[in-house]
C-alpha atoms as a PDB file:
ATOM      1  CA  UNK A   1       2.113   6.084  -7.517  1.00  0.00           C
ATOM      2  CA  UNK A   2       5.593   8.231  -7.623  1.00  0.00           C
ATOM      3  CA  UNK A   3       6.128  11.441  -5.551  1.00  0.00           C
ATOM      4  CA  UNK A   4       8.397  13.823  -6.807  1.00  0.00           C
ATOM      5  CA  UNK A   5       9.444  17.194  -4.804  1.00  0.00           C
ATOM      6  CA  UNK A   6      11.751  19.728  -4.358  1.00  0.00           C
ATOM      7  CA  UNK A   7      11.826  23.104  -2.445  1.00  0.00           C
ATOM      8  CA  UNK A   8      14.565  25.415  -4.260  1.00  0.00           C
ATOM      9  CA  UNK A   9      14.491  28.693  -1.825  1.00  0.00           C
ATOM     10  CA  UNK A  10      12.716  29.673   1.394  1.00  0.00           C
ATOM     11  CA  UNK A  11       9.724  30.799  -0.380  1.00  0.00           C
ATOM     12  CA  UNK A  12       7.303  33.496   0.263  1.00  0.00           C
ATOM     13  CA  UNK A  13       5.266  32.283  -2.236  1.00  0.00           C
ATOM     14  CA  UNK A  14       1.637  30.526  -2.903  1.00  0.00           C
ATOM     15  CA  UNK A  15       0.664  27.193  -3.774  1.00  0.00           C
ATOM     16  CA  UNK A  16      -0.703  26.468  -6.678  1.00  0.00           C
ATOM     17  CA  UNK A  17      -2.638  23.601  -7.846  1.00  0.00           C
ATOM     18  CA  UNK A  18      -2.077  22.971 -12.112  1.00  0.00           C
ATOM     19  CA  UNK A  19      -4.225  20.436 -13.846  1.00  0.00           C
ATOM     20  CA  UNK A  20      -3.876  19.576 -16.937  1.00  0.00           C
ATOM     21  CA  UNK A  21      -5.174  17.166 -20.132  1.00  0.00           C
ATOM     22  CA  UNK A  22      -2.784  16.553 -22.901  1.00  0.00           C
ATOM     23  CA  UNK A  23      -4.365  15.801 -26.460  1.00  0.00           C
ATOM     24  CA  UNK A  24      -1.929  12.974 -26.659  1.00  0.00           C
ATOM     25  CA  UNK A  25       1.444  14.625 -28.441  1.00  0.00           C
ATOM     26  CA  UNK A  26       4.805  13.612 -26.230  1.00  0.00           C
ATOM     27  CA  UNK A  27       5.980  16.660 -27.003  1.00  0.00           C
ATOM     28  CA  UNK A  28       4.063  18.669 -25.196  1.00  0.00           C
ATOM     29  CA  UNK A  29       4.195  16.652 -22.195  1.00  0.00           C
ATOM     30  CA  UNK A  30       7.668  16.764 -22.116  1.00  0.00           C
ATOM     31  CA  UNK A  31       7.684  20.318 -22.536  1.00  0.00           C
ATOM     32  CA  UNK A  32       4.936  21.069 -19.862  1.00  0.00           C
ATOM     33  CA  UNK A  33       6.988  18.990 -17.345  1.00  0.00           C
ATOM     34  CA  UNK A  34       9.817  20.353 -17.965  1.00  0.00           C
ATOM     35  CA  UNK A  35       8.324  24.107 -17.410  1.00  0.00           C
ATOM     36  CA  UNK A  36       6.633  22.893 -14.829  1.00  0.00           C
ATOM     37  CA  UNK A  37      10.110  21.857 -12.910  1.00  0.00           C
ATOM     38  CA  UNK A  38      11.322  25.115 -13.479  1.00  0.00           C
ATOM     39  CA  UNK A  39       9.468  26.942 -10.041  1.00  0.00           C
ATOM     40  CA  UNK A  40      11.274  27.085  -7.026  1.00  0.00           C
ATOM     41  CA  UNK A  41       8.455  24.513  -5.590  1.00  0.00           C
ATOM     42  CA  UNK A  42       6.703  21.635  -6.992  1.00  0.00           C
ATOM     43  CA  UNK A  43       5.449  18.406  -6.008  1.00  0.00           C
ATOM     44  CA  UNK A  44       4.028  16.242  -8.568  1.00  0.00           C
ATOM     45  CA  UNK A  45       0.691  14.582  -7.178  1.00  0.00           C
ATOM     46  CA  UNK A  46      -0.313  12.039 -10.217  1.00  0.00           C
ATOM     47  CA  UNK A  47      -0.603  12.364 -13.915  1.00  0.00           C
ATOM     48  CA  UNK A  48      -2.382  15.841 -14.667  1.00  0.00           C
ATOM     49  CA  UNK A  49      -2.331  17.386 -10.863  1.00  0.00           C
ATOM     50  CA  UNK A  50       0.827  19.337  -9.735  1.00  0.00           C
ATOM     51  CA  UNK A  51       1.366  21.666  -6.667  1.00  0.00           C
ATOM     52  CA  UNK A  52       3.754  24.605  -7.882  1.00  0.00           C
ATOM     53  CA  UNK A  53       5.051  27.733  -5.561  1.00  0.00           C
ATOM     54  CA  UNK A  54       4.835  30.641  -7.552  1.00  0.00           C
ATOM     55  CA  UNK A  55       4.868  34.532  -6.460  1.00  0.00           C
ATOM     56  CA  UNK A  56       2.813  34.881  -9.977  1.00  0.00           C
ATOM     57  CA  UNK A  57      -0.927  35.664 -10.185  1.00  0.00           C
ATOM     58  CA  UNK A  58      -2.888  32.325 -11.852  1.00  0.00           C
ATOM     59  CA  UNK A  59      -3.356  33.708 -14.832  1.00  0.00           C
ATOM     60  CA  UNK A  60       0.566  34.578 -15.142  1.00  0.00           C
ATOM     61  CA  UNK A  61       0.957  30.821 -14.405  1.00  0.00           C
ATOM     62  CA  UNK A  62      -1.713  29.689 -16.896  1.00  0.00           C
ATOM     63  CA  UNK A  63       0.036  32.081 -19.451  1.00  0.00           C
ATOM     64  CA  UNK A  64       3.285  30.712 -18.982  1.00  0.00           C
ATOM     65  CA  UNK A  65       2.206  27.234 -19.493  1.00  0.00           C
ATOM     66  CA  UNK A  66      -0.090  27.703 -21.951  1.00  0.00           C
ATOM     67  CA  UNK A  67       2.830  28.121 -24.244  1.00  0.00           C
ATOM     68  CA  UNK A  68       3.987  24.609 -24.195  1.00  0.00           C
ATOM     69  CA  UNK A  69       0.253  23.657 -25.244  1.00  0.00           C
ATOM     70  CA  UNK A  70      -1.865  23.166 -28.512  1.00  0.00           C
ATOM     71  CA  UNK A  71      -5.566  23.745 -28.870  1.00  0.00           C
ATOM     72  CA  UNK A  72      -6.558  20.424 -27.834  1.00  0.00           C
ATOM     73  CA  UNK A  73      -4.903  20.794 -24.547  1.00  0.00           C
ATOM     74  CA  UNK A  74      -6.887  21.735 -21.373  1.00  0.00           C
ATOM     75  CA  UNK A  75      -5.336  23.190 -18.512  1.00  0.00           C
ATOM     76  CA  UNK A  76      -6.479  24.943 -15.162  1.00  0.00           C
ATOM     77  CA  UNK A  77      -4.649  26.754 -12.232  1.00  0.00           C
ATOM     78  CA  UNK A  78      -5.722  28.098  -9.129  1.00  0.00           C
ATOM     79  CA  UNK A  79      -4.341  28.993  -5.566  1.00  0.00           C
ATOM     80  CA  UNK A  80      -4.799  26.381  -2.876  1.00  0.00           C
ATOM     81  CA  UNK A  81      -5.589  28.229   0.265  1.00  0.00           C
ATOM     82  CA  UNK A  82      -4.055  26.739   3.981  1.00  0.00           C
ATOM     83  CA  UNK A  83      -7.835  25.840   4.293  1.00  0.00           C
ATOM     84  CA  UNK A  84      -7.402  22.172   2.275  1.00  0.00           C
ATOM     85  CA  UNK A  85      -7.742  18.367   3.349  1.00  0.00           C
ATOM     86  CA  UNK A  86      -7.511  15.579   1.209  1.00  0.00           C
ATOM     87  CA  UNK A  87      -6.513  11.614   1.274  1.00  0.00           C
ATOM     88  CA  UNK A  88      -2.860  11.752  -0.074  1.00  0.00           C
ATOM     89  CA  UNK A  89       0.334  10.433   0.777  1.00  0.00           C
ATOM     90  CA  UNK A  90       2.581  11.123   3.549  1.00  0.00           C
ATOM     91  CA  UNK A  91       4.905  13.162   1.150  1.00  0.00           C
ATOM     92  CA  UNK A  92       2.802  15.354  -0.474  1.00  0.00           C
ATOM     93  CA  UNK A  93       1.464  16.278   3.066  1.00  0.00           C
ATOM     94  CA  UNK A  94       4.954  17.038   4.090  1.00  0.00           C
ATOM     95  CA  UNK A  95       5.690  19.143   1.023  1.00  0.00           C
ATOM     96  CA  UNK A  96       2.400  21.208   1.757  1.00  0.00           C
ATOM     97  CA  UNK A  97       3.708  21.982   5.247  1.00  0.00           C
ATOM     98  CA  UNK A  98       7.130  22.433   4.359  1.00  0.00           C
ATOM     99  CA  UNK A  99       6.096  25.126   2.079  1.00  0.00           C
ATOM    100  CA  UNK A 100       3.083  26.527   4.302  1.00  0.00           C
ATOM    101  CA  UNK A 101       5.906  26.690   7.324  1.00  0.00           C
ATOM    102  CA  UNK A 102       8.038  29.086   4.653  1.00  0.00           C
ATOM    103  CA  UNK A 103       5.451  30.951   3.677  1.00  0.00           C
ATOM    104  CA  UNK A 104       5.150  32.533   7.456  1.00  0.00           C
END
């Protein structure tokens, strides 16, 4: 599993989990990945799962990403609180911790 992360600025933003399932069109996938990487902070967990940082609401993020999807694609966005636990690689945990520290 390859984990990619970026933090482009000091963040006063919330962390969101973005989950998606695409209908198979490559252009939708490429457009969505380009859009996800525009967020000031992002971390790819695995195919179809990303963390992003944004001061927007989940609804705003969903509407933004929905513009590059079609009616056969699925998308779910939710805020990730500080009460979280999982079996993830160190890179993901480090990224979450870095973002959480910069939010304070």
